Every structure is written in structure tokens, then in C-alpha cells.
Protein backbone atom coordinates (compact mmCIF):
# COMPACT_ATOMS: atom_id res chain seq x y z
CA UNK A 1 2.07 -34.35 -20.79
CA UNK A 2 -0.39 -31.42 -19.81
CA UNK A 3 -1.79 -32.20 -16.65
CA UNK A 4 -5.20 -30.06 -15.80
CA UNK A 5 -5.82 -27.24 -13.75
CA UNK A 6 -6.70 -27.87 -9.97
CA UNK A 7 -8.26 -26.06 -7.38
CA UNK A 8 -5.80 -24.66 -5.10
CA UNK A 9 -5.84 -26.35 -1.50
CA UNK A 10 -6.66 -29.62 -3.28
CA UNK A 11 -3.94 -32.09 -4.90
CA UNK A 12 -4.44 -32.83 -8.68
CA UNK A 13 -5.01 -36.97 -9.64
CA UNK A 14 -2.02 -37.62 -11.03
CA UNK A 15 -1.19 -41.35 -13.03
CA UNK A 16 1.49 -43.49 -11.18
CA UNK A 17 4.84 -44.02 -12.60
CA UNK A 18 4.32 -45.95 -15.62
CA UNK A 19 1.65 -43.77 -16.48
CA UNK A 20 3.44 -40.72 -16.64
CA UNK A 21 5.17 -39.97 -19.65
CA UNK A 22 3.70 -40.62 -23.28
CA UNK A 23 6.73 -43.21 -23.83
CA UNK A 24 6.10 -45.08 -21.05
CA UNK A 25 7.88 -46.15 -17.70
CA UNK A 26 10.80 -45.79 -19.40
CA UNK A 27 10.78 -43.01 -21.42
CA UNK A 28 9.51 -41.42 -18.06
CA UNK A 29 13.00 -42.36 -16.51
CA UNK A 30 14.95 -41.02 -20.09
CA UNK A 31 13.05 -37.88 -19.50
CA UNK A 32 14.59 -37.56 -15.63
CA UNK A 33 17.94 -38.18 -16.57
CA UNK A 34 18.44 -35.90 -18.87
CA UNK A 35 16.60 -33.22 -16.57
CA UNK A 36 19.05 -34.64 -13.73
CA UNK A 37 22.35 -34.34 -16.27
CA UNK A 38 23.28 -37.64 -15.51
CA UNK A 39 22.49 -41.09 -17.12
CA UNK A 40 22.50 -44.10 -14.65
CA UNK A 41 24.31 -47.37 -15.58
CA UNK A 42 22.13 -49.28 -12.82
CA UNK A 43 18.39 -48.45 -13.94
CA UNK A 44 17.41 -50.50 -11.09
CA UNK A 45 18.47 -47.96 -8.77
CA UNK A 46 16.43 -45.07 -10.10
CA UNK A 47 13.49 -47.06 -10.07
CA UNK A 48 13.97 -47.50 -6.35
CA UNK A 49 14.73 -44.02 -5.40
CA UNK A 50 11.59 -43.22 -7.35
CA UNK A 51 9.14 -46.16 -5.58
CA UNK A 52 6.28 -44.89 -3.45
CA UNK A 53 8.13 -42.84 -0.51
CA UNK A 54 4.32 -43.25 1.35
CA UNK A 55 5.55 -47.09 1.24
CA UNK A 56 8.82 -46.86 2.45
CA UNK A 57 9.06 -49.36 4.75
CA UNK A 58 11.82 -51.21 3.26
CA UNK A 59 15.11 -50.65 4.40
CA UNK A 60 16.64 -49.63 0.68
CA UNK A 61 14.40 -46.74 0.28
CA UNK A 62 15.20 -45.63 4.08
CA UNK A 63 19.15 -45.72 3.47
CA UNK A 64 18.79 -43.99 0.04
CA UNK A 65 16.72 -41.28 1.62
CA UNK A 66 19.27 -40.93 4.28
CA UNK A 67 22.25 -41.10 2.49
CA UNK A 68 20.90 -38.19 -0.17
CA UNK A 69 19.85 -35.98 2.75
CA UNK A 70 23.90 -36.29 4.40
CA UNK A 71 25.62 -35.30 0.67
CA UNK A 72 22.85 -32.79 0.26
CA UNK A 73 23.75 -31.29 4.02
CA UNK A 74 27.53 -31.87 3.66
CA UNK A 75 27.28 -29.63 0.38
CA UNK A 76 25.39 -27.53 1.88
CA UNK A 77 28.36 -27.17 5.24
CA UNK A 78 30.69 -27.09 2.33
CA UNK A 79 29.73 -24.06 0.50
CA UNK A 80 29.32 -22.05 4.20
CA UNK A 81 32.49 -22.56 4.99
CA UNK A 82 34.36 -22.02 1.56
CA UNK A 83 32.79 -18.73 1.90
CA UNK A 84 34.05 -18.70 5.52
CA UNK A 85 36.09 -20.42 7.25
CA UNK A 86 35.92 -18.62 10.47
CA UNK A 87 31.80 -19.25 10.54
CA UNK A 88 31.15 -20.03 13.93
CA UNK A 89 29.00 -23.67 14.63
CA UNK A 90 25.47 -22.07 15.48
CA UNK A 91 25.65 -20.15 12.34
CA UNK A 92 26.26 -22.82 9.99
CA UNK A 93 24.04 -25.12 12.13
CA UNK A 94 21.48 -22.39 11.55
CA UNK A 95 22.33 -22.05 7.59
CA UNK A 96 21.28 -25.91 7.28
CA UNK A 97 18.20 -25.69 9.38
CA UNK A 98 17.02 -23.33 7.16
CA UNK A 99 17.76 -25.09 4.32
CA UNK A 100 15.80 -28.27 5.43
CA UNK A 101 12.77 -25.61 6.93
CA UNK A 102 12.69 -23.18 3.45
CA UNK A 103 12.59 -26.22 1.70
CA UNK A 104 15.42 -25.07 -0.72
CA UNK A 105 15.83 -28.61 -2.42
CA UNK A 106 11.86 -28.74 -3.11
CA UNK A 107 12.90 -26.00 -6.27
CA UNK A 108 14.74 -29.06 -7.89
CA UNK A 109 12.35 -31.55 -6.92
CA UNK A 110 9.51 -29.43 -9.07
CA UNK A 111 11.80 -28.51 -11.74
CA UNK A 112 12.49 -32.69 -12.09
CA UNK A 113 8.51 -33.26 -11.78
CA UNK A 114 9.37 -35.48 -9.10
CA UNK A 115 5.55 -35.55 -8.04
CA UNK A 116 4.95 -37.16 -10.95
CA UNK A 117 6.85 -40.22 -9.84
CA UNK A 118 5.47 -40.27 -6.40
CA UNK A 119 1.99 -40.96 -4.48
CA UNK A 120 -0.94 -41.69 -5.18
CA UNK A 121 -2.77 -38.72 -6.10
CA UNK A 122 -4.56 -38.40 -3.25
CA UNK A 123 -2.10 -35.90 -1.15
CA UNK A 124 -2.78 -32.87 -0.26
CA UNK A 125 -0.25 -29.89 -0.87
CA UNK A 126 1.59 -30.46 2.28
CA UNK A 127 2.18 -34.32 1.58
CA UNK A 128 3.06 -34.04 -2.09
CA UNK A 129 5.51 -31.67 -0.86
CA UNK A 130 7.06 -34.04 1.46
CA UNK A 131 6.64 -36.98 -0.63
CA UNK A 132 8.60 -35.18 -3.93
CA UNK A 133 11.59 -33.95 -1.18
CA UNK A 134 12.05 -37.65 -0.03
CA UNK A 135 12.39 -38.78 -3.66
CA UNK A 136 14.51 -36.04 -4.47
CA UNK A 137 17.12 -37.13 -1.44
CA UNK A 138 16.37 -40.36 -2.67
CA UNK A 139 17.85 -39.57 -6.07
CA UNK A 140 20.94 -37.92 -4.80
CA UNK A 141 21.81 -40.90 -2.69
CA UNK A 142 20.94 -42.94 -5.87
CA UNK A 143 23.60 -41.57 -8.23
CA UNK A 144 26.22 -41.77 -5.19
CA UNK A 145 25.04 -45.92 -5.75
CA UNK A 146 25.37 -45.44 -9.02
CA UNK A 147 28.86 -44.06 -9.48
CA UNK A 148 30.56 -42.32 -6.41
CA UNK A 149 29.54 -39.81 -3.64
CA UNK A 150 31.25 -37.13 -6.01
CA UNK A 151 29.02 -37.26 -8.89
CA UNK A 152 25.83 -36.76 -6.62
CA UNK A 153 27.74 -34.03 -5.12
CA UNK A 154 28.01 -32.52 -9.09
CA UNK A 155 24.87 -33.50 -9.75
CA UNK A 156 23.30 -31.37 -6.36
CA UNK A 157 25.46 -28.39 -7.43
CA UNK A 158 24.46 -28.27 -10.64
CA UNK A 159 20.59 -28.43 -10.16
CA UNK A 160 21.29 -25.84 -7.04
CA UNK A 161 23.17 -23.15 -9.83
CA UNK A 162 20.11 -23.81 -12.34
CA UNK A 163 17.57 -22.16 -9.48
CA UNK A 164 20.50 -19.52 -8.41
């Protein structure tokens, strides 16, 4: 569904998850899974990952975010070490810091249109990007819980390669 343009620095009004796509919630889940290149066996795990991250008081959501972030961090470490096993610890840590600071994963979050699944539509640009990042990490964590960590790593690498 096309969205109306908005003034820079403001947030567009976005419909909540179940109204985001023409085919309702189920159509939105199918569309997202197609973009991910991964079909969830347990759709409830995906729905939990997409829940509004502003309300992440529940343990489950925080755990999905934490799991996803740890998987992404391990991937970044691995990529660096694969290129240079003699990389100093400080450089490796700096590379990880750059990954988080530059929000490299934000490109994937925007490509997946995760902003359509998070927030109320009243967030500013910075808040929305933060919610998208949390949602992306939660989705990666949800994939690991749905199958294996290896599958989550594979999806993460595939999404990153699309942006290279």
C-alpha cells in the first residue's frame, strides 16, 4: 500500500501491523517472510518479534532482541576473523562498534519495511529507526528459535549480501 510523502524530520502516520498490508495480518506475515527468504514454522514467534518494541516490558521480546543482537555480533566477529585471524582484539572491537554505530543493520530493516510493523506512527525519525533496529534483531532471534542458530546466521548473511 503506497504511503503519502511526509515532511522531513516528522514521522509519517503508519497504520498498526494488522492494517499495514492489503491482505491483513496474515498477508503481511507472508510478505515479510518472502523478503526474509525464510518461512516460519511457528508464526507466533514471528508475531512476538514484531510486537511494538516500545512496550517491550515483557521478558520474551527483550530475549528475542538480545538473542538476535548476539547472533549479529558473532557474525561480525566471524567475518572479520575469517579475513584476518591475526586482527588485534582492539580492531575487532572497533569493527563491532562501527557496525552498531553506523547501524549497518538499519539498511536491512528498511528494506524489510519493518517500520510498518512497529510503533504507533507518532515517533520521530530517531525513535522509529531505534524501533526498526530492535525489531530486526528480534526477527533474527526469532528465526533462531524457530529452527536453528545456523538458519538465523544464514538469513542475516543473505540480507547483508543483498546490500553490498
